[in-house]
Amino acid sequence: MNQTVKIEGMKCAGCVGIVKEKFEALSGVREAEVNLAEKKAVLSVEQELSQTELEQALAETKFTIIK
């Protein structure tokens, strides 16, 4: 199953790498494809993640989830 997440604050390829790494570290996420131009990530997940889980993944970064 795929879950799409809109992200604010990404400005470069380095940002994309950080977001990808943070999301792929979450339990249940098989892969994260992060798109800088569209400001989103498409997560391949076993089951849908909650808003809280997604926000916690990026808590120590400068990036935020757009609701």
C-alpha atoms as a PDB file:
ATOM      1  CA  MET A   1       0.000   0.000   0.000  1.00  0.00           C
ATOM      2  CA  ASN A   2       1.187   3.542  -0.708  1.00  0.00           C
ATOM      3  CA  GLN A   3       0.745   6.566   1.526  1.00  0.00           C
ATOM      4  CA  THR A   4       1.411  10.089   0.247  1.00  0.00           C
ATOM      5  CA  VAL A   5       2.748  12.760   2.583  1.00  0.00           C
ATOM      6  CA  LYS A   6       3.099  16.463   1.743  1.00  0.00           C
ATOM      7  CA  ILE A   7       6.245  18.029   3.213  1.00  0.00           C
ATOM      8  CA  GLU A   8       7.220  21.658   3.777  1.00  0.00           C
ATOM      9  CA  GLY A   9      10.792  22.931   4.069  1.00  0.00           C
ATOM     10  CA  MET A  10      12.737  20.855   1.531  1.00  0.00           C
ATOM     11  CA  LYS A  11      15.056  22.969  -0.630  1.00  0.00           C
ATOM     12  CA  CYS A  12      17.731  20.639  -2.052  1.00  0.00           C
ATOM     13  CA  ALA A  13      18.792  17.055  -2.757  1.00  0.00           C
ATOM     14  CA  GLY A  14      20.320  16.881   0.727  1.00  0.00           C
ATOM     15  CA  CYS A  15      16.906  17.635   2.210  1.00  0.00           C
ATOM     16  CA  VAL A  16      15.379  14.855   0.126  1.00  0.00           C
ATOM     17  CA  GLY A  17      17.983  12.418   1.456  1.00  0.00           C
ATOM     18  CA  ILE A  18      17.272  13.332   5.073  1.00  0.00           C
ATOM     19  CA  VAL A  19      13.498  12.972   4.657  1.00  0.00           C
ATOM     20  CA  LYS A  20      13.938   9.634   2.850  1.00  0.00           C
ATOM     21  CA  GLU A  21      16.222   8.330   5.607  1.00  0.00           C
ATOM     22  CA  LYS A  22      13.855   9.433   8.403  1.00  0.00           C
ATOM     23  CA  PHE A  23      10.789   7.854   6.796  1.00  0.00           C
ATOM     24  CA  GLU A  24      12.566   4.606   5.886  1.00  0.00           C
ATOM     25  CA  ALA A  25      13.649   4.252   9.526  1.00  0.00           C
ATOM     26  CA  LEU A  26       9.980   3.978  10.578  1.00  0.00           C
ATOM     27  CA  SER A  27       8.658   0.529  11.364  1.00  0.00           C
ATOM     28  CA  GLY A  28       6.409  -0.691   8.573  1.00  0.00           C
ATOM     29  CA  VAL A  29       7.893   1.503   5.835  1.00  0.00           C
ATOM     30  CA  ARG A  30       9.448  -0.555   3.048  1.00  0.00           C
ATOM     31  CA  GLU A  31      10.520   2.359   0.853  1.00  0.00           C
ATOM     32  CA  ALA A  32      10.159   6.130   0.628  1.00  0.00           C
ATOM     33  CA  GLU A  33      10.271   8.017  -2.674  1.00  0.00           C
ATOM     34  CA  VAL A  34      10.719  11.732  -1.988  1.00  0.00           C
ATOM     35  CA  ASN A  35      10.003  14.345  -4.673  1.00  0.00           C
ATOM     36  CA  LEU A  36      11.516  17.786  -4.123  1.00  0.00           C
ATOM     37  CA  ALA A  37       9.586  19.564  -6.899  1.00  0.00           C
ATOM     38  CA  GLU A  38       6.205  18.258  -5.720  1.00  0.00           C
ATOM     39  CA  LYS A  39       7.102  18.599  -2.022  1.00  0.00           C
ATOM     40  CA  LYS A  40       5.881  15.126  -1.205  1.00  0.00           C
ATOM     41  CA  ALA A  41       6.907  11.616  -0.256  1.00  0.00           C
ATOM     42  CA  VAL A  42       5.226   8.422  -1.361  1.00  0.00           C
ATOM     43  CA  LEU A  43       5.737   5.730   1.246  1.00  0.00           C
ATOM     44  CA  SER A  44       5.382   2.031   0.542  1.00  0.00           C
ATOM     45  CA  VAL A  45       3.899   0.847   3.839  1.00  0.00           C
ATOM     46  CA  GLU A  46       2.538  -2.345   5.377  1.00  0.00           C
ATOM     47  CA  GLN A  47      -0.281  -0.330   6.969  1.00  0.00           C
ATOM     48  CA  GLU A  48      -1.097   3.373   6.975  1.00  0.00           C
ATOM     49  CA  LEU A  49       0.897   5.458   9.431  1.00  0.00           C
ATOM     50  CA  SER A  50      -0.758   7.997  11.705  1.00  0.00           C
ATOM     51  CA  GLN A  51      -0.172  11.741  11.429  1.00  0.00           C
ATOM     52  CA  THR A  52       1.635  11.566  14.784  1.00  0.00           C
ATOM     53  CA  GLU A  53       4.037   8.853  13.591  1.00  0.00           C
ATOM     54  CA  LEU A  54       4.869  10.863  10.471  1.00  0.00           C
ATOM     55  CA  GLU A  55       5.410  14.064  12.454  1.00  0.00           C
ATOM     56  CA  GLN A  56       7.616  12.279  14.986  1.00  0.00           C
ATOM     57  CA  ALA A  57       9.810  10.934  12.176  1.00  0.00           C
ATOM     58  CA  LEU A  58      10.635  14.514  11.167  1.00  0.00           C
ATOM     59  CA  ALA A  59      10.582  15.996  14.692  1.00  0.00           C
ATOM     60  CA  GLU A  60      14.327  16.629  14.896  1.00  0.00           C
ATOM     61  CA  THR A  61      14.525  18.163  11.415  1.00  0.00           C
ATOM     62  CA  LYS A  62      13.469  21.476   9.905  1.00  0.00           C
ATOM     63  CA  PHE A  63      10.793  19.760   7.798  1.00  0.00           C
ATOM     64  CA  THR A  64       7.079  19.647   8.589  1.00  0.00           C
ATOM     65  CA  ILE A  65       4.140  17.609   7.408  1.00  0.00           C
ATOM     66  CA  ILE A  66       1.456  19.613   5.579  1.00  0.00           C
ATOM     67  CA  LYS A  67      -2.009  18.487   6.662  1.00  0.00           C
END
